[in-house]
Amino acid sequence: MGVGGWVMTTWMRIKNGYPLEGTWGNAMHPKTDREAAERVKLLTNENAELRAEIGSMKDRLANVERIVTDDSHRLTHEIEALRDKQTN
């Protein structure tokens, strides 16, 4: 029963944005505001890098789609041109 209560309160804390507790009930925060600011800075930089990577992947995907679409369209025209030559 005690473990179930602990699990429930921990889940409620996480869900509502409260800090987790350590072994003796102490809140587990970053030790200093500087640490928190450094974490935010690192996460912000990582987020920017990932967004840039996603943007480049979208560009590459658009190029691949264009190549696939254009090649099949061009191939169809070449086949039709060859058919026209055979009938003439």
N, C-alpha and C. Protein backbone atom coordinates (compact mmCIF):
# COMPACT_ATOMS: atom_id res chain seq x y z
N MET A 1 0.82 -1.18 0.00
CA MET A 1 0.00 0.00 0.00
C MET A 1 0.88 1.26 0.00
N GLY A 2 1.96 1.21 0.77
CA GLY A 2 2.84 2.37 0.84
C GLY A 2 3.51 2.67 -0.49
N VAL A 3 3.93 1.61 -1.19
CA VAL A 3 4.59 1.79 -2.48
C VAL A 3 3.60 2.35 -3.49
N GLY A 4 2.38 1.85 -3.46
CA GLY A 4 1.34 2.34 -4.38
C GLY A 4 1.07 3.82 -4.16
N GLY A 5 1.03 4.23 -2.90
CA GLY A 5 0.83 5.65 -2.59
C GLY A 5 1.98 6.50 -3.09
N TRP A 6 3.21 5.98 -2.92
CA TRP A 6 4.39 6.72 -3.39
C TRP A 6 4.34 6.87 -4.91
N VAL A 7 3.99 5.78 -5.60
CA VAL A 7 3.90 5.83 -7.06
C VAL A 7 2.85 6.84 -7.48
N MET A 8 1.72 6.83 -6.80
CA MET A 8 0.64 7.75 -7.16
C MET A 8 1.05 9.20 -6.94
N THR A 9 1.65 9.51 -5.78
CA THR A 9 2.05 10.90 -5.52
C THR A 9 3.15 11.35 -6.47
N THR A 10 4.07 10.44 -6.79
CA THR A 10 5.14 10.80 -7.74
C THR A 10 4.54 11.09 -9.11
N TRP A 11 3.60 10.27 -9.55
CA TRP A 11 2.96 10.49 -10.84
C TRP A 11 2.23 11.83 -10.86
N MET A 12 1.52 12.14 -9.76
CA MET A 12 0.79 13.41 -9.69
C MET A 12 1.76 14.60 -9.71
N ARG A 13 2.90 14.46 -9.03
CA ARG A 13 3.89 15.54 -9.04
C ARG A 13 4.41 15.77 -10.46
N ILE A 14 4.75 14.69 -11.14
CA ILE A 14 5.27 14.82 -12.51
C ILE A 14 4.21 15.42 -13.42
N LYS A 15 3.00 14.93 -13.31
CA LYS A 15 1.90 15.41 -14.17
C LYS A 15 1.66 16.90 -13.99
N ASN A 16 1.76 17.38 -12.76
CA ASN A 16 1.45 18.78 -12.47
C ASN A 16 2.67 19.69 -12.44
N GLY A 17 3.84 19.16 -12.79
CA GLY A 17 5.02 19.99 -12.92
C GLY A 17 5.76 20.28 -11.63
N TYR A 18 5.47 19.55 -10.56
CA TYR A 18 6.19 19.75 -9.30
C TYR A 18 7.51 18.99 -9.35
N PRO A 19 8.50 19.44 -8.59
CA PRO A 19 9.79 18.73 -8.60
C PRO A 19 9.67 17.38 -7.91
N LEU A 20 10.50 16.45 -8.33
CA LEU A 20 10.55 15.15 -7.69
C LEU A 20 11.26 15.27 -6.36
N GLU A 21 11.06 14.29 -5.48
CA GLU A 21 11.70 14.31 -4.18
C GLU A 21 12.83 13.30 -4.15
N GLY A 22 13.87 13.64 -3.40
CA GLY A 22 15.00 12.75 -3.22
C GLY A 22 14.72 11.73 -2.13
N THR A 23 15.78 11.12 -1.62
CA THR A 23 15.66 10.05 -0.64
C THR A 23 14.96 10.49 0.64
N TRP A 24 15.32 11.65 1.17
CA TRP A 24 14.76 12.12 2.44
C TRP A 24 13.68 13.17 2.25
N GLY A 25 13.04 13.21 1.12
CA GLY A 25 11.96 14.14 0.88
C GLY A 25 12.41 15.51 0.40
N ASN A 26 13.69 15.65 0.11
CA ASN A 26 14.20 16.93 -0.40
C ASN A 26 13.87 17.04 -1.88
N ALA A 27 13.44 18.22 -2.29
CA ALA A 27 13.13 18.45 -3.70
C ALA A 27 14.41 18.36 -4.52
N MET A 28 14.33 17.72 -5.66
CA MET A 28 15.49 17.56 -6.53
C MET A 28 15.47 18.65 -7.58
N HIS A 29 16.15 19.73 -7.31
CA HIS A 29 16.28 20.87 -8.22
C HIS A 29 17.72 20.92 -8.70
N PRO A 30 17.98 21.64 -9.78
CA PRO A 30 19.38 21.91 -10.10
C PRO A 30 20.01 22.66 -8.92
N LYS A 31 21.29 22.42 -8.68
CA LYS A 31 21.94 22.99 -7.51
C LYS A 31 21.97 24.51 -7.54
N THR A 32 22.10 25.10 -8.70
CA THR A 32 22.15 26.56 -8.81
C THR A 32 21.33 27.02 -10.00
N ASP A 33 21.01 28.28 -10.00
CA ASP A 33 20.32 28.85 -11.16
C ASP A 33 21.22 28.82 -12.38
N ARG A 34 22.53 28.89 -12.14
CA ARG A 34 23.48 28.83 -13.25
C ARG A 34 23.39 27.48 -13.96
N GLU A 35 23.26 26.40 -13.17
CA GLU A 35 23.10 25.06 -13.77
C GLU A 35 21.82 24.99 -14.60
N ALA A 36 20.76 25.53 -14.05
CA ALA A 36 19.49 25.51 -14.78
C ALA A 36 19.60 26.31 -16.06
N ALA A 37 20.24 27.47 -16.00
CA ALA A 37 20.41 28.30 -17.19
C ALA A 37 21.27 27.59 -18.22
N GLU A 38 22.30 26.88 -17.75
CA GLU A 38 23.18 26.14 -18.68
C GLU A 38 22.40 25.01 -19.36
N ARG A 39 21.55 24.32 -18.59
CA ARG A 39 20.73 23.26 -19.18
C ARG A 39 19.78 23.82 -20.23
N VAL A 40 19.17 24.94 -19.91
CA VAL A 40 18.25 25.57 -20.86
C VAL A 40 19.00 25.98 -22.12
N LYS A 41 20.20 26.52 -21.95
CA LYS A 41 21.01 26.94 -23.10
C LYS A 41 21.36 25.75 -23.97
N LEU A 42 21.80 24.65 -23.34
CA LEU A 42 22.15 23.45 -24.11
C LEU A 42 20.94 22.88 -24.84
N LEU A 43 19.81 22.83 -24.16
CA LEU A 43 18.60 22.30 -24.81
C LEU A 43 18.12 23.20 -25.94
N THR A 44 18.27 24.51 -25.76
CA THR A 44 17.88 25.45 -26.81
C THR A 44 18.76 25.26 -28.04
N ASN A 45 20.07 25.10 -27.82
CA ASN A 45 20.99 24.88 -28.94
C ASN A 45 20.68 23.56 -29.65
N GLU A 46 20.43 22.52 -28.87
CA GLU A 46 20.11 21.23 -29.47
C GLU A 46 18.81 21.31 -30.27
N ASN A 47 17.84 22.03 -29.73
CA ASN A 47 16.57 22.21 -30.43
C ASN A 47 16.78 22.92 -31.76
N ALA A 48 17.61 23.97 -31.76
CA ALA A 48 17.87 24.70 -33.00
C ALA A 48 18.56 23.80 -34.03
N GLU A 49 19.53 22.99 -33.56
CA GLU A 49 20.22 22.08 -34.48
C GLU A 49 19.25 21.06 -35.07
N LEU A 50 18.38 20.52 -34.23
CA LEU A 50 17.43 19.52 -34.73
C LEU A 50 16.43 20.13 -35.71
N ARG A 51 16.01 21.36 -35.44
CA ARG A 51 15.10 22.03 -36.37
C ARG A 51 15.79 22.27 -37.72
N ALA A 52 17.06 22.66 -37.69
CA ALA A 52 17.80 22.87 -38.94
C ALA A 52 17.94 21.55 -39.70
N GLU A 53 18.21 20.48 -38.97
CA GLU A 53 18.35 19.17 -39.61
C GLU A 53 17.03 18.73 -40.23
N ILE A 54 15.94 18.96 -39.54
CA ILE A 54 14.62 18.61 -40.09
C ILE A 54 14.34 19.43 -41.34
N GLY A 55 14.70 20.71 -41.32
CA GLY A 55 14.51 21.56 -42.50
C GLY A 55 15.28 21.04 -43.69
N SER A 56 16.54 20.65 -43.47
CA SER A 56 17.33 20.13 -44.59
C SER A 56 16.78 18.79 -45.07
N MET A 57 16.26 17.98 -44.15
CA MET A 57 15.67 16.71 -44.56
C MET A 57 14.41 16.93 -45.39
N LYS A 58 13.63 17.93 -45.03
CA LYS A 58 12.44 18.26 -45.82
C LYS A 58 12.84 18.71 -47.22
N ASP A 59 13.90 19.51 -47.32
CA ASP A 59 14.38 19.95 -48.64
C ASP A 59 14.83 18.76 -49.47
N ARG A 60 15.59 17.85 -48.84
CA ARG A 60 16.06 16.66 -49.57
C ARG A 60 14.88 15.80 -50.02
N LEU A 61 13.91 15.64 -49.16
CA LEU A 61 12.73 14.85 -49.52
C LEU A 61 11.99 15.48 -50.69
N ALA A 62 11.87 16.80 -50.69
CA ALA A 62 11.21 17.48 -51.80
C ALA A 62 11.99 17.26 -53.09
N ASN A 63 13.33 17.29 -53.03
CA ASN A 63 14.14 17.04 -54.22
C ASN A 63 13.95 15.61 -54.72
N VAL A 64 13.94 14.66 -53.80
CA VAL A 64 13.75 13.26 -54.20
C VAL A 64 12.37 13.07 -54.83
N GLU A 65 11.36 13.67 -54.24
CA GLU A 65 10.01 13.57 -54.82
C GLU A 65 9.97 14.18 -56.21
N ARG A 66 10.64 15.31 -56.40
CA ARG A 66 10.65 15.95 -57.71
C ARG A 66 11.38 15.07 -58.72
N ILE A 67 12.51 14.49 -58.32
CA ILE A 67 13.27 13.63 -59.23
C ILE A 67 12.44 12.41 -59.62
N VAL A 68 11.82 11.78 -58.65
CA VAL A 68 11.02 10.59 -58.93
C VAL A 68 9.85 10.94 -59.85
N THR A 69 9.20 12.02 -59.57
CA THR A 69 8.05 12.43 -60.38
C THR A 69 8.49 12.85 -61.77
N ASP A 70 9.53 13.65 -61.88
CA ASP A 70 9.99 14.13 -63.19
C ASP A 70 10.51 12.99 -64.05
N ASP A 71 11.27 12.07 -63.47
CA ASP A 71 11.82 10.97 -64.25
C ASP A 71 10.71 10.10 -64.83
N SER A 72 9.70 9.82 -64.07
CA SER A 72 8.63 8.97 -64.60
C SER A 72 7.86 9.71 -65.69
N HIS A 73 7.68 11.01 -65.52
CA HIS A 73 6.98 11.80 -66.54
C HIS A 73 7.82 11.86 -67.82
N ARG A 74 9.11 12.11 -67.66
CA ARG A 74 10.00 12.18 -68.82
C ARG A 74 10.09 10.82 -69.51
N LEU A 75 10.16 9.74 -68.71
CA LEU A 75 10.23 8.40 -69.26
C LEU A 75 8.98 8.09 -70.09
N THR A 76 7.83 8.50 -69.61
CA THR A 76 6.59 8.29 -70.35
C THR A 76 6.64 9.00 -71.70
N HIS A 77 7.13 10.23 -71.72
CA HIS A 77 7.24 10.97 -72.98
C HIS A 77 8.23 10.30 -73.94
N GLU A 78 9.34 9.79 -73.42
CA GLU A 78 10.31 9.11 -74.28
C GLU A 78 9.72 7.84 -74.88
N ILE A 79 8.97 7.09 -74.08
CA ILE A 79 8.33 5.86 -74.59
C ILE A 79 7.32 6.21 -75.68
N GLU A 80 6.53 7.24 -75.45
CA GLU A 80 5.56 7.67 -76.46
C GLU A 80 6.26 8.13 -77.73
N ALA A 81 7.38 8.82 -77.59
CA ALA A 81 8.13 9.27 -78.77
C ALA A 81 8.66 8.07 -79.55
N LEU A 82 9.14 7.05 -78.86
CA LEU A 82 9.62 5.84 -79.54
C LEU A 82 8.46 5.11 -80.23
N ARG A 83 7.32 5.08 -79.61
CA ARG A 83 6.16 4.44 -80.24
C ARG A 83 5.75 5.19 -81.51
N ASP A 84 5.81 6.52 -81.44
CA ASP A 84 5.47 7.32 -82.62
C ASP A 84 6.45 7.05 -83.75
N LYS A 85 7.74 6.88 -83.43
CA LYS A 85 8.74 6.60 -84.46
C LYS A 85 8.49 5.24 -85.09
N GLN A 86 8.08 4.26 -84.30
CA GLN A 86 7.83 2.92 -84.83
C GLN A 86 6.61 2.90 -85.74
N THR A 87 5.61 3.69 -85.45
CA THR A 87 4.40 3.69 -86.28
C THR A 87 4.62 4.46 -87.57
N ASN A 88 5.55 5.38 -87.59
CA ASN A 88 5.79 6.18 -88.81
C ASN A 88 6.69 5.49 -89.72
